[in-house]
Amino acid sequence: MESILIHPESAEQLKTVKAVLKALKVQFEPQADTLPPHVIKGIEKSLKQYEDGQTISLQEFKDKHFSKK
């Protein structure tokens, strides 16, 4: 059988979808939206760099990474 992934846009939509699935006796598995640990670590590192003033402007980024040499 085919599976579907549903993306409700509000808590109310999620509650309604769950109620419909339960009423139809359709099995479903709730899953939390969590990021992998390496992504969380990268975000935390970036926020620390920002707090420490380790930033560059968009123009500096473009010059550094997109300049034609």
N, C-alpha and C. Protein backbone atom coordinates (compact mmCIF):
# COMPACT_ATOMS: atom_id res chain seq x y z
N MET A 1 0.84 -1.19 0.00
CA MET A 1 0.00 0.00 0.00
C MET A 1 0.88 1.24 0.00
N GLU A 2 0.38 2.32 -0.50
CA GLU A 2 1.09 3.59 -0.60
C GLU A 2 1.00 4.37 0.72
N SER A 3 2.05 5.08 1.05
CA SER A 3 2.07 5.97 2.22
C SER A 3 2.03 7.41 1.75
N ILE A 4 1.56 8.31 2.62
CA ILE A 4 1.55 9.74 2.29
C ILE A 4 2.18 10.52 3.45
N LEU A 5 2.75 11.65 3.14
CA LEU A 5 3.31 12.54 4.13
C LEU A 5 2.47 13.81 4.09
N ILE A 6 1.96 14.21 5.24
CA ILE A 6 1.05 15.36 5.31
C ILE A 6 1.76 16.51 6.02
N HIS A 7 1.59 17.72 5.51
CA HIS A 7 2.22 18.92 6.09
C HIS A 7 1.14 19.91 6.53
N PRO A 8 0.56 19.72 7.71
CA PRO A 8 -0.44 20.69 8.18
C PRO A 8 0.21 22.04 8.45
N GLU A 9 -0.57 23.10 8.26
CA GLU A 9 -0.05 24.45 8.41
C GLU A 9 -0.40 25.07 9.76
N SER A 10 -1.15 24.35 10.57
CA SER A 10 -1.51 24.87 11.88
C SER A 10 -1.82 23.71 12.82
N ALA A 11 -1.86 24.02 14.11
CA ALA A 11 -2.19 23.01 15.11
C ALA A 11 -3.62 22.50 14.89
N GLU A 12 -4.49 23.39 14.47
CA GLU A 12 -5.89 23.00 14.22
C GLU A 12 -5.99 22.00 13.07
N GLN A 13 -5.24 22.24 11.99
CA GLN A 13 -5.24 21.30 10.87
C GLN A 13 -4.69 19.94 11.30
N LEU A 14 -3.62 19.95 12.08
CA LEU A 14 -3.04 18.70 12.55
C LEU A 14 -4.04 17.92 13.40
N LYS A 15 -4.71 18.61 14.29
CA LYS A 15 -5.71 17.97 15.15
C LYS A 15 -6.84 17.37 14.32
N THR A 16 -7.29 18.09 13.31
CA THR A 16 -8.37 17.62 12.44
C THR A 16 -7.95 16.41 11.64
N VAL A 17 -6.75 16.45 11.07
CA VAL A 17 -6.25 15.33 10.28
C VAL A 17 -6.14 14.08 11.15
N LYS A 18 -5.61 14.24 12.36
CA LYS A 18 -5.51 13.10 13.27
C LYS A 18 -6.88 12.53 13.60
N ALA A 19 -7.85 13.41 13.82
CA ALA A 19 -9.20 12.96 14.15
C ALA A 19 -9.82 12.18 12.99
N VAL A 20 -9.61 12.66 11.77
CA VAL A 20 -10.15 11.97 10.59
C VAL A 20 -9.50 10.60 10.44
N LEU A 21 -8.18 10.56 10.60
CA LEU A 21 -7.48 9.28 10.47
C LEU A 21 -7.95 8.28 11.53
N LYS A 22 -8.13 8.75 12.75
CA LYS A 22 -8.62 7.88 13.82
C LYS A 22 -10.04 7.40 13.52
N ALA A 23 -10.89 8.29 13.02
CA ALA A 23 -12.28 7.92 12.70
C ALA A 23 -12.33 6.88 11.59
N LEU A 24 -11.39 6.97 10.64
CA LEU A 24 -11.33 6.00 9.54
C LEU A 24 -10.52 4.76 9.90
N LYS A 25 -10.01 4.73 11.12
CA LYS A 25 -9.17 3.62 11.60
C LYS A 25 -7.95 3.40 10.72
N VAL A 26 -7.34 4.54 10.29
CA VAL A 26 -6.12 4.51 9.50
C VAL A 26 -4.95 4.65 10.48
N GLN A 27 -4.01 3.71 10.40
CA GLN A 27 -2.85 3.78 11.27
C GLN A 27 -1.92 4.90 10.81
N PHE A 28 -1.34 5.62 11.78
CA PHE A 28 -0.37 6.67 11.46
C PHE A 28 0.64 6.75 12.58
N GLU A 29 1.81 7.31 12.25
CA GLU A 29 2.89 7.45 13.20
C GLU A 29 3.28 8.92 13.30
N PRO A 30 2.97 9.57 14.41
CA PRO A 30 3.39 10.96 14.57
C PRO A 30 4.92 11.03 14.65
N GLN A 31 5.49 12.05 14.03
CA GLN A 31 6.93 12.25 14.08
C GLN A 31 7.22 13.71 14.42
N ALA A 32 8.13 13.89 15.34
CA ALA A 32 8.52 15.25 15.73
C ALA A 32 9.45 15.84 14.69
N ASP A 33 9.36 17.14 14.49
CA ASP A 33 10.28 17.84 13.59
C ASP A 33 11.54 18.18 14.38
N THR A 34 12.56 17.35 14.22
CA THR A 34 13.81 17.61 14.91
C THR A 34 14.95 17.62 13.89
N LEU A 35 15.94 18.39 14.20
CA LEU A 35 17.11 18.47 13.33
C LEU A 35 18.16 17.47 13.81
N PRO A 36 18.95 16.94 12.90
CA PRO A 36 20.03 16.04 13.29
C PRO A 36 21.04 16.77 14.18
N PRO A 37 21.72 16.05 15.07
CA PRO A 37 22.67 16.69 16.00
C PRO A 37 23.76 17.52 15.30
N HIS A 38 24.26 17.06 14.15
CA HIS A 38 25.32 17.82 13.48
C HIS A 38 24.80 19.17 12.96
N VAL A 39 23.52 19.24 12.62
CA VAL A 39 22.94 20.50 12.16
C VAL A 39 22.78 21.46 13.34
N ILE A 40 22.30 20.95 14.46
CA ILE A 40 22.15 21.77 15.67
C ILE A 40 23.50 22.30 16.11
N LYS A 41 24.54 21.45 16.07
CA LYS A 41 25.89 21.87 16.45
C LYS A 41 26.37 22.99 15.54
N GLY A 42 26.12 22.89 14.24
CA GLY A 42 26.52 23.92 13.29
C GLY A 42 25.81 25.24 13.53
N ILE A 43 24.53 25.16 13.85
CA ILE A 43 23.76 26.37 14.14
C ILE A 43 24.31 27.06 15.40
N GLU A 44 24.57 26.24 16.43
CA GLU A 44 25.10 26.80 17.68
C GLU A 44 26.46 27.46 17.45
N LYS A 45 27.31 26.83 16.63
CA LYS A 45 28.63 27.39 16.31
C LYS A 45 28.47 28.73 15.59
N SER A 46 27.56 28.78 14.63
CA SER A 46 27.33 30.01 13.87
C SER A 46 26.80 31.13 14.74
N LEU A 47 25.88 30.81 15.65
CA LEU A 47 25.35 31.83 16.56
C LEU A 47 26.44 32.37 17.47
N LYS A 48 27.33 31.50 17.94
CA LYS A 48 28.44 31.93 18.78
C LYS A 48 29.37 32.86 17.99
N GLN A 49 29.65 32.50 16.74
CA GLN A 49 30.50 33.36 15.89
C GLN A 49 29.86 34.73 15.73
N TYR A 50 28.54 34.76 15.53
CA TYR A 50 27.83 36.03 15.38
C TYR A 50 27.94 36.86 16.66
N GLU A 51 27.70 36.20 17.81
CA GLU A 51 27.78 36.91 19.09
C GLU A 51 29.18 37.46 19.35
N ASP A 52 30.20 36.75 18.86
CA ASP A 52 31.59 37.18 19.05
C ASP A 52 32.03 38.21 18.00
N GLY A 53 31.11 38.59 17.12
CA GLY A 53 31.43 39.60 16.11
C GLY A 53 32.21 39.07 14.92
N GLN A 54 32.24 37.77 14.77
CA GLN A 54 32.96 37.16 13.65
C GLN A 54 32.04 37.08 12.44
N THR A 55 31.77 38.24 11.85
CA THR A 55 30.86 38.30 10.71
C THR A 55 31.52 39.06 9.56
N ILE A 56 30.98 38.85 8.37
CA ILE A 56 31.41 39.61 7.20
C ILE A 56 30.15 40.06 6.47
N SER A 57 30.30 41.10 5.67
CA SER A 57 29.16 41.60 4.91
C SER A 57 28.87 40.67 3.74
N LEU A 58 27.70 40.82 3.16
CA LEU A 58 27.33 40.02 2.00
C LEU A 58 28.30 40.30 0.85
N GLN A 59 28.68 41.54 0.69
CA GLN A 59 29.62 41.89 -0.38
C GLN A 59 30.96 41.20 -0.17
N GLU A 60 31.46 41.19 1.07
CA GLU A 60 32.72 40.50 1.37
C GLU A 60 32.61 39.00 1.06
N PHE A 61 31.46 38.42 1.39
CA PHE A 61 31.23 37.00 1.11
C PHE A 61 31.26 36.74 -0.39
N LYS A 62 30.56 37.60 -1.13
CA LYS A 62 30.55 37.45 -2.59
C LYS A 62 31.94 37.57 -3.18
N ASP A 63 32.68 38.58 -2.71
CA ASP A 63 34.04 38.79 -3.22
C ASP A 63 34.93 37.59 -2.90
N LYS A 64 34.78 37.03 -1.71
CA LYS A 64 35.62 35.92 -1.28
C LYS A 64 35.29 34.61 -2.01
N HIS A 65 34.00 34.35 -2.22
CA HIS A 65 33.59 33.05 -2.72
C HIS A 65 33.15 33.01 -4.19
N PHE A 66 32.89 34.17 -4.76
CA PHE A 66 32.40 34.18 -6.14
C PHE A 66 33.26 35.02 -7.08
N SER A 67 34.39 35.47 -6.59
CA SER A 67 35.23 36.29 -7.47
C SER A 67 35.91 35.38 -8.51
N LYS A 68 36.01 35.89 -9.71
CA LYS A 68 36.64 35.15 -10.79
C LYS A 68 38.13 35.46 -10.79
N LYS A 69 38.91 34.44 -10.64
CA LYS A 69 40.36 34.64 -10.59
C LYS A 69 41.01 34.08 -11.82
